[in-house]
Amino acid sequence: MRVTRTRNGLRLSQHGVVISELRTTPGPTHSVFDVLAAVAVGLRPAGRVGMLGFAGGGMMAPLAALGFATRIAAVDRDRAAFSLFRRHCPHWAGQVRWHHGDAVAWLRRQRGKFDLLIEDLSIPQAGDVVKPAVSWTELPRLVRRRLGARGVALFNLLPPPAGRFADALTHVAAEFPVARVVVLEEFENRLLLAGRELPAAGELARVLGDRLEQLGSRQAGRIRVRTWRR
């Protein structure tokens, strides 16, 4: 992991791919983390929030700027990145209950249900950063089983090393009754929202647009939301 200083904090990257924008004050990162935060705030989860893959806590500064105060249970294998977050962001580090370990094993141990589960795992591979295999195979079903009746899963997905992105998205979405996809103009990521009930694509686009405008993110006006159909 390479750590470089930025105007507002730190940037964590691997193989030239940014894995976290660690702002040390509330505000936008102007990246995919703003959109993830906008989804979390727009969905307004009333209960437990879990995060699989925390990296350096790139979502935390935009969440703070949007007034999101719900405690987050997070799991990650990277102690170094979390240590950077805890050292540089002590003012909101207490909002995160961080666990060191494997995301699948941790999620299997959870007894209660979640209102929002964010899957943001990534691994270095062959000079690139990709999703681990479990993100396409085992995790979608396990995430579905750990959601409450009105719970929503939020997957931050990258193109699979082999095969078509659309086929991989379909495989993940097939575990859930309904799904929406957020397409970002400036990033190859696709955000997949899935659960039993979700706002219509147009309503979700409006909510996310409002939150991104409120945040002052350059991603406002640069996303599209569509219904994912089998």
C-alpha atoms as a PDB file:
ATOM      1  CA  MET A   1       0.000   0.000   0.000  1.00  0.00           C
ATOM      2  CA  ARG A   2       1.282   3.452  -0.933  1.00  0.00           C
ATOM      3  CA  VAL A   3       0.317   6.411   1.247  1.00  0.00           C
ATOM      4  CA  THR A   4       0.551   9.967  -0.127  1.00  0.00           C
ATOM      5  CA  ARG A   5      -0.486  13.236   1.433  1.00  0.00           C
ATOM      6  CA  THR A   6      -3.268  15.224  -0.194  1.00  0.00           C
ATOM      7  CA  ARG A   7      -4.734  18.649   0.411  1.00  0.00           C
ATOM      8  CA  ASN A   8      -7.325  17.200   2.792  1.00  0.00           C
ATOM      9  CA  GLY A   9      -5.608  14.156   4.243  1.00  0.00           C
ATOM     10  CA  LEU A  10      -4.149  10.936   2.848  1.00  0.00           C
ATOM     11  CA  ARG A  11      -4.572   8.830  -0.277  1.00  0.00           C
ATOM     12  CA  LEU A  12      -4.100   5.063  -0.053  1.00  0.00           C
ATOM     13  CA  SER A  13      -3.345   3.219  -3.289  1.00  0.00           C
ATOM     14  CA  GLN A  14      -2.180  -0.131  -4.631  1.00  0.00           C
ATOM     15  CA  HIS A  15      -0.730  -0.633  -8.123  1.00  0.00           C
ATOM     16  CA  GLY A  16      -1.757   2.911  -8.989  1.00  0.00           C
ATOM     17  CA  VAL A  17      -5.392   2.258  -8.012  1.00  0.00           C
ATOM     18  CA  VAL A  18      -6.862   4.425  -5.245  1.00  0.00           C
ATOM     19  CA  ILE A  19      -8.357   2.215  -2.544  1.00  0.00           C
ATOM     20  CA  SER A  20      -9.197   5.005  -0.092  1.00  0.00           C
ATOM     21  CA  GLU A  21      -9.344   8.794   0.148  1.00  0.00           C
ATOM     22  CA  LEU A  22      -8.799   9.447   3.835  1.00  0.00           C
ATOM     23  CA  ARG A  23     -10.033  12.959   4.573  1.00  0.00           C
ATOM     24  CA  THR A  24      -9.250  14.195   8.064  1.00  0.00           C
ATOM     25  CA  THR A  25     -12.158  16.677   8.122  1.00  0.00           C
ATOM     26  CA  PRO A  26     -15.810  16.220   7.097  1.00  0.00           C
ATOM     27  CA  GLY A  27     -16.358  16.789   3.392  1.00  0.00           C
ATOM     28  CA  PRO A  28     -16.344  15.254  -0.083  1.00  0.00           C
ATOM     29  CA  THR A  29     -13.657  13.061  -1.601  1.00  0.00           C
ATOM     30  CA  HIS A  30     -15.049  13.703  -5.121  1.00  0.00           C
ATOM     31  CA  SER A  31     -14.821   9.964  -5.730  1.00  0.00           C
ATOM     32  CA  VAL A  32     -16.870   6.783  -5.479  1.00  0.00           C
ATOM     33  CA  PHE A  33     -16.770   7.093  -1.665  1.00  0.00           C
ATOM     34  CA  ASP A  34     -19.084  10.113  -1.900  1.00  0.00           C
ATOM     35  CA  VAL A  35     -21.632   8.048  -3.805  1.00  0.00           C
ATOM     36  CA  LEU A  36     -21.388   5.195  -1.310  1.00  0.00           C
ATOM     37  CA  ALA A  37     -21.975   7.694   1.499  1.00  0.00           C
ATOM     38  CA  ALA A  38     -24.899   9.261  -0.357  1.00  0.00           C
ATOM     39  CA  VAL A  39     -26.515   5.835  -0.698  1.00  0.00           C
ATOM     40  CA  ALA A  40     -26.059   5.091   3.008  1.00  0.00           C
ATOM     41  CA  VAL A  41     -27.545   8.432   4.062  1.00  0.00           C
ATOM     42  CA  GLY A  42     -30.309   8.284   1.460  1.00  0.00           C
ATOM     43  CA  LEU A  43     -31.453   4.858   2.652  1.00  0.00           C
ATOM     44  CA  ARG A  44     -31.600   6.063   6.287  1.00  0.00           C
ATOM     45  CA  PRO A  45     -30.989   2.683   7.974  1.00  0.00           C
ATOM     46  CA  ALA A  46     -32.683   2.517  11.363  1.00  0.00           C
ATOM     47  CA  GLY A  47     -30.733  -0.451  12.714  1.00  0.00           C
ATOM     48  CA  ARG A  48     -27.325  -2.101  12.370  1.00  0.00           C
ATOM     49  CA  VAL A  49     -24.871  -1.060   9.685  1.00  0.00           C
ATOM     50  CA  GLY A  50     -22.033  -3.363   8.641  1.00  0.00           C
ATOM     51  CA  MET A  51     -19.084  -2.787   6.327  1.00  0.00           C
ATOM     52  CA  LEU A  52     -17.090  -5.598   4.719  1.00  0.00           C
ATOM     53  CA  GLY A  53     -13.772  -4.040   3.758  1.00  0.00           C
ATOM     54  CA  PHE A  54     -12.926  -0.809   5.535  1.00  0.00           C
ATOM     55  CA  ALA A  55      -9.528   0.083   4.024  1.00  0.00           C
ATOM     56  CA  GLY A  56      -8.759   3.579   5.291  1.00  0.00           C
ATOM     57  CA  GLY A  57     -12.336   4.611   5.944  1.00  0.00           C
ATOM     58  CA  GLY A  58     -12.853   6.584   2.736  1.00  0.00           C
ATOM     59  CA  MET A  59     -16.596   6.860   3.369  1.00  0.00           C
ATOM     60  CA  MET A  60     -16.271   8.372   6.830  1.00  0.00           C
ATOM     61  CA  ALA A  61     -15.558  12.019   5.914  1.00  0.00           C
ATOM     62  CA  PRO A  62     -18.507  12.289   3.486  1.00  0.00           C
ATOM     63  CA  LEU A  63     -20.728  10.453   5.963  1.00  0.00           C
ATOM     64  CA  ALA A  64     -19.758  12.938   8.677  1.00  0.00           C
ATOM     65  CA  ALA A  65     -20.456  15.876   6.375  1.00  0.00           C
ATOM     66  CA  LEU A  66     -23.924  14.459   5.664  1.00  0.00           C
ATOM     67  CA  GLY A  67     -24.705  14.032   9.355  1.00  0.00           C
ATOM     68  CA  PHE A  68     -24.613  10.239   9.439  1.00  0.00           C
ATOM     69  CA  ALA A  69     -24.057   9.270  13.072  1.00  0.00           C
ATOM     70  CA  THR A  70     -25.007   5.577  13.124  1.00  0.00           C
ATOM     71  CA  ARG A  71     -22.338   3.298  14.534  1.00  0.00           C
ATOM     72  CA  ILE A  72     -20.680   1.038  11.954  1.00  0.00           C
ATOM     73  CA  ALA A  73     -19.375  -2.505  12.504  1.00  0.00           C
ATOM     74  CA  ALA A  74     -16.504  -3.041  10.067  1.00  0.00           C
ATOM     75  CA  VAL A  75     -14.208  -5.937   9.232  1.00  0.00           C
ATOM     76  CA  ASP A  76     -10.945  -5.871   7.296  1.00  0.00           C
ATOM     77  CA  ARG A  77      -7.624  -7.708   7.156  1.00  0.00           C
ATOM     78  CA  ASP A  78      -5.531  -4.540   6.831  1.00  0.00           C
ATOM     79  CA  ARG A  79      -4.466  -3.328  10.255  1.00  0.00           C
ATOM     80  CA  ALA A  80      -2.144  -0.686   8.792  1.00  0.00           C
ATOM     81  CA  ALA A  81      -4.914   1.162   6.941  1.00  0.00           C
ATOM     82  CA  PHE A  82      -7.165   1.169   9.996  1.00  0.00           C
ATOM     83  CA  SER A  83      -4.300   2.431  12.145  1.00  0.00           C
ATOM     84  CA  LEU A  84      -3.912   5.382   9.769  1.00  0.00           C
ATOM     85  CA  PHE A  85      -7.618   6.106  10.045  1.00  0.00           C
ATOM     86  CA  ARG A  86      -7.578   5.916  13.840  1.00  0.00           C
ATOM     87  CA  ARG A  87      -4.479   8.119  14.066  1.00  0.00           C
ATOM     88  CA  HIS A  88      -5.614  10.837  11.671  1.00  0.00           C
ATOM     89  CA  CYS A  89      -9.361  10.792  12.376  1.00  0.00           C
ATOM     90  CA  PRO A  90      -9.717  10.333  16.154  1.00  0.00           C
ATOM     91  CA  HIS A  91     -12.759  12.636  16.205  1.00  0.00           C
ATOM     92  CA  TRP A  92     -14.942  10.001  14.505  1.00  0.00           C
ATOM     93  CA  ALA A  93     -12.946   6.795  14.973  1.00  0.00           C
ATOM     94  CA  GLY A  94     -15.231   5.964  17.889  1.00  0.00           C
ATOM     95  CA  GLN A  95     -18.135   5.622  15.445  1.00  0.00           C
ATOM     96  CA  VAL A  96     -16.486   2.503  14.003  1.00  0.00           C
ATOM     97  CA  ARG A  97     -16.264  -0.836  15.767  1.00  0.00           C
ATOM     98  CA  TRP A  98     -13.469  -2.401  13.738  1.00  0.00           C
ATOM     99  CA  HIS A  99     -12.708  -6.122  13.602  1.00  0.00           C
ATOM    100  CA  HIS A 100      -9.552  -7.674  12.185  1.00  0.00           C
ATOM    101  CA  GLY A 101     -10.232 -10.774  10.125  1.00  0.00           C
ATOM    102  CA  ASP A 102     -11.861 -12.445   7.155  1.00  0.00           C
ATOM    103  CA  ALA A 103     -15.159 -10.907   6.008  1.00  0.00           C
ATOM    104  CA  VAL A 104     -16.895 -14.228   5.325  1.00  0.00           C
ATOM    105  CA  ALA A 105     -15.924 -15.725   8.679  1.00  0.00           C
ATOM    106  CA  TRP A 106     -16.930 -12.545  10.516  1.00  0.00           C
ATOM    107  CA  LEU A 107     -20.300 -12.323   8.789  1.00  0.00           C
ATOM    108  CA  ARG A 108     -21.056 -15.957   9.542  1.00  0.00           C
ATOM    109  CA  ARG A 109     -20.529 -15.269  13.245  1.00  0.00           C
ATOM    110  CA  GLN A 110     -23.026 -12.400  13.371  1.00  0.00           C
ATOM    111  CA  ARG A 111     -26.205 -13.267  15.246  1.00  0.00           C
ATOM    112  CA  GLY A 112     -28.356 -10.227  14.613  1.00  0.00           C
ATOM    113  CA  LYS A 113     -29.634  -8.819  11.324  1.00  0.00           C
ATOM    114  CA  PHE A 114     -28.413  -5.719   9.507  1.00  0.00           C
ATOM    115  CA  ASP A 115     -30.392  -2.851   8.021  1.00  0.00           C
ATOM    116  CA  LEU A 116     -27.484  -1.999   5.713  1.00  0.00           C
ATOM    117  CA  LEU A 117     -24.532  -4.152   4.683  1.00  0.00           C
ATOM    118  CA  ILE A 118     -21.832  -2.542   2.539  1.00  0.00           C
ATOM    119  CA  GLU A 119     -19.519  -4.885   0.625  1.00  0.00           C
ATOM    120  CA  ASP A 120     -16.362  -2.982  -0.346  1.00  0.00           C
ATOM    121  CA  LEU A 121     -13.722  -5.709  -0.490  1.00  0.00           C
ATOM    122  CA  SER A 122     -10.745  -5.587  -2.851  1.00  0.00           C
ATOM    123  CA  ILE A 123      -7.408  -7.371  -3.250  1.00  0.00           C
ATOM    124  CA  PRO A 124      -4.234  -6.755  -5.289  1.00  0.00           C
ATOM    125  CA  GLN A 125      -3.789  -9.178  -8.162  1.00  0.00           C
ATOM    126  CA  ALA A 126      -1.373  -9.246 -11.090  1.00  0.00           C
ATOM    127  CA  GLY A 127      -0.570  -5.554 -10.878  1.00  0.00           C
ATOM    128  CA  ASP A 128      -4.207  -4.511 -10.485  1.00  0.00           C
ATOM    129  CA  VAL A 129      -6.864  -4.218  -7.773  1.00  0.00           C
ATOM    130  CA  VAL A 130      -9.864  -6.549  -8.145  1.00  0.00           C
ATOM    131  CA  LYS A 131     -12.699  -8.034  -6.140  1.00  0.00           C
ATOM    132  CA  PRO A 132     -11.880 -11.279  -4.301  1.00  0.00           C
ATOM    133  CA  ALA A 133     -13.546 -14.378  -5.716  1.00  0.00           C
ATOM    134  CA  VAL A 134     -15.942 -14.624  -2.737  1.00  0.00           C
ATOM    135  CA  SER A 135     -17.547 -11.323  -3.770  1.00  0.00           C
ATOM    136  CA  TRP A 136     -18.970 -13.095  -6.829  1.00  0.00           C
ATOM    137  CA  THR A 137     -19.638 -16.493  -5.285  1.00  0.00           C
ATOM    138  CA  GLU A 138     -20.261 -16.965  -1.575  1.00  0.00           C
ATOM    139  CA  LEU A 139     -20.805 -13.447  -0.233  1.00  0.00           C
ATOM    140  CA  PRO A 140     -24.012 -12.369  -2.053  1.00  0.00           C
ATOM    141  CA  ARG A 141     -26.003 -15.253  -0.554  1.00  0.00           C
ATOM    142  CA  LEU A 142     -24.457 -14.794   2.886  1.00  0.00           C
ATOM    143  CA  VAL A 143     -25.154 -11.050   2.802  1.00  0.00           C
ATOM    144  CA  ARG A 144     -28.793 -11.726   1.876  1.00  0.00           C
ATOM    145  CA  ARG A 145     -29.172 -14.073   4.846  1.00  0.00           C
ATOM    146  CA  ARG A 146     -27.809 -11.460   7.240  1.00  0.00           C
ATOM    147  CA  LEU A 147     -30.191  -8.693   6.150  1.00  0.00           C
ATOM    148  CA  GLY A 148     -33.272  -7.760   8.125  1.00  0.00           C
ATOM    149  CA  ALA A 149     -36.743  -7.709   6.557  1.00  0.00           C
ATOM    150  CA  ARG A 150     -36.173  -4.197   5.163  1.00  0.00           C
ATOM    151  CA  GLY A 151     -32.406  -4.491   4.940  1.00  0.00           C
ATOM    152  CA  VAL A 152     -30.422  -3.390   1.907  1.00  0.00           C
ATOM    153  CA  ALA A 153     -27.098  -4.639   0.563  1.00  0.00           C
ATOM    154  CA  LEU A 154     -24.726  -2.211  -1.145  1.00  0.00           C
ATOM    155  CA  PHE A 155     -21.997  -3.809  -3.276  1.00  0.00           C
ATOM    156  CA  ASN A 156     -19.104  -1.724  -4.644  1.00  0.00           C
ATOM    157  CA  LEU A 157     -18.160  -3.859  -7.658  1.00  0.00           C
ATOM    158  CA  LEU A 158     -15.259  -3.789 -10.094  1.00  0.00           C
ATOM    159  CA  PRO A 159     -14.999  -5.567 -13.464  1.00  0.00           C
ATOM    160  CA  PRO A 160     -14.157  -9.251 -12.929  1.00  0.00           C
ATOM    161  CA  PRO A 161     -10.756 -10.399 -14.211  1.00  0.00           C
ATOM    162  CA  ALA A 162     -12.495 -12.820 -16.585  1.00  0.00           C
ATOM    163  CA  GLY A 163     -15.959 -12.710 -18.113  1.00  0.00           C
ATOM    164  CA  ARG A 164     -18.468  -9.946 -18.778  1.00  0.00           C
ATOM    165  CA  PHE A 165     -19.288  -7.391 -16.083  1.00  0.00           C
ATOM    166  CA  ALA A 166     -22.997  -7.673 -16.884  1.00  0.00           C
ATOM    167  CA  ASP A 167     -22.964 -11.428 -16.271  1.00  0.00           C
ATOM    168  CA  ALA A 168     -21.188 -10.969 -12.947  1.00  0.00           C
ATOM    169  CA  LEU A 169     -23.688  -8.297 -11.864  1.00  0.00           C
ATOM    170  CA  THR A 170     -26.558 -10.569 -12.828  1.00  0.00           C
ATOM    171  CA  HIS A 171     -25.100 -13.376 -10.721  1.00  0.00           C
ATOM    172  CA  VAL A 172     -24.942 -11.153  -7.616  1.00  0.00           C
ATOM    173  CA  ALA A 173     -28.348  -9.551  -8.184  1.00  0.00           C
ATOM    174  CA  ALA A 174     -30.010 -12.954  -8.666  1.00  0.00           C
ATOM    175  CA  GLU A 175     -29.775 -13.545  -4.898  1.00  0.00           C
ATOM    176  CA  PHE A 176     -32.215 -10.709  -4.197  1.00  0.00           C
ATOM    177  CA  PRO A 177     -35.820  -9.906  -5.142  1.00  0.00           C
ATOM    178  CA  VAL A 178     -34.994  -6.427  -6.487  1.00  0.00           C
ATOM    179  CA  ALA A 179     -31.832  -4.557  -7.431  1.00  0.00           C
ATOM    180  CA  ARG A 180     -30.708  -1.145  -8.682  1.00  0.00           C
ATOM    181  CA  VAL A 181     -27.393  -0.282 -10.320  1.00  0.00           C
ATOM    182  CA  VAL A 182     -25.608   3.055  -9.958  1.00  0.00           C
ATOM    183  CA  VAL A 183     -23.315   3.855 -12.893  1.00  0.00           C
ATOM    184  CA  LEU A 184     -20.572   6.454 -12.365  1.00  0.00           C
ATOM    185  CA  GLU A 185     -19.354   8.444 -15.346  1.00  0.00           C
ATOM    186  CA  GLU A 186     -15.777   8.814 -14.086  1.00  0.00           C
ATOM    187  CA  PHE A 187     -15.195   5.378 -12.534  1.00  0.00           C
ATOM    188  CA  GLU A 188     -15.440   1.773 -13.700  1.00  0.00           C
ATOM    189  CA  ASN A 189     -17.119   0.773 -10.431  1.00  0.00           C
ATOM    190  CA  ARG A 190     -20.754  -0.264 -10.422  1.00  0.00           C
ATOM    191  CA  LEU A 191     -22.738   0.080  -7.207  1.00  0.00           C
ATOM    192  CA  LEU A 192     -25.380  -2.605  -6.824  1.00  0.00           C
ATOM    193  CA  LEU A 193     -28.172  -2.016  -4.311  1.00  0.00           C
ATOM    194  CA  ALA A 194     -30.228  -5.092  -3.522  1.00  0.00           C
ATOM    195  CA  GLY A 195     -32.898  -6.219  -1.100  1.00  0.00           C
ATOM    196  CA  ARG A 196     -36.579  -7.054  -0.784  1.00  0.00           C
ATOM    197  CA  GLU A 197     -37.756  -3.481  -1.310  1.00  0.00           C
ATOM    198  CA  LEU A 198     -36.009  -0.494  -2.885  1.00  0.00           C
ATOM    199  CA  PRO A 199     -37.026   2.956  -4.114  1.00  0.00           C
ATOM    200  CA  ALA A 200     -37.728   3.212  -7.831  1.00  0.00           C
ATOM    201  CA  ALA A 201     -34.681   4.050  -9.940  1.00  0.00           C
ATOM    202  CA  GLY A 202     -35.883   7.602 -10.617  1.00  0.00           C
ATOM    203  CA  GLU A 203     -36.576   8.306  -6.950  1.00  0.00           C
ATOM    204  CA  LEU A 204     -33.230   6.851  -5.925  1.00  0.00           C
ATOM    205  CA  ALA A 205     -31.439   8.996  -8.504  1.00  0.00           C
ATOM    206  CA  ARG A 206     -33.131  12.097  -7.105  1.00  0.00           C
ATOM    207  CA  VAL A 207     -32.226  11.218  -3.515  1.00  0.00           C
ATOM    208  CA  LEU A 208     -28.600  10.506  -4.391  1.00  0.00           C
ATOM    209  CA  GLY A 209     -28.354  13.668  -6.453  1.00  0.00           C
ATOM    210  CA  ASP A 210     -29.683  15.746  -3.551  1.00  0.00           C
ATOM    211  CA  ARG A 211     -27.210  14.186  -1.103  1.00  0.00           C
ATOM    212  CA  LEU A 212     -24.263  14.694  -3.458  1.00  0.00           C
ATOM    213  CA  GLU A 213     -25.264  18.328  -3.999  1.00  0.00           C
ATOM    214  CA  GLN A 214     -25.540  18.787  -0.240  1.00  0.00           C
ATOM    215  CA  LEU A 215     -22.074  17.280   0.142  1.00  0.00           C
ATOM    216  CA  GLY A 216     -20.596  19.509  -2.546  1.00  0.00           C
ATOM    217  CA  SER A 217     -19.257  16.491  -4.409  1.00  0.00           C
ATOM    218  CA  ARG A 218     -18.186  16.692  -8.044  1.00  0.00           C
ATOM    219  CA  GLN A 219     -20.030  13.399  -8.517  1.00  0.00           C
ATOM    220  CA  ALA A 220     -23.352  15.294  -8.390  1.00  0.00           C
ATOM    221  CA  GLY A 221     -24.877  15.063 -11.855  1.00  0.00           C
ATOM    222  CA  ARG A 222     -22.372  12.377 -12.898  1.00  0.00           C
ATOM    223  CA  ILE A 223     -24.251   9.235 -11.909  1.00  0.00           C
ATOM    224  CA  ARG A 224     -27.118   7.253 -13.412  1.00  0.00           C
ATOM    225  CA  VAL A 225     -29.441   4.800 -11.659  1.00  0.00           C
ATOM    226  CA  ARG A 226     -31.262   1.984 -13.388  1.00  0.00           C
ATOM    227  CA  THR A 227     -33.293  -1.049 -12.427  1.00  0.00           C
ATOM    228  CA  TRP A 228     -31.423  -4.302 -12.854  1.00  0.00           C
ATOM    229  CA  ARG A 229     -33.545  -6.851 -14.683  1.00  0.00           C
ATOM    230  CA  ARG A 230     -32.907 -10.569 -14.841  1.00  0.00           C
END
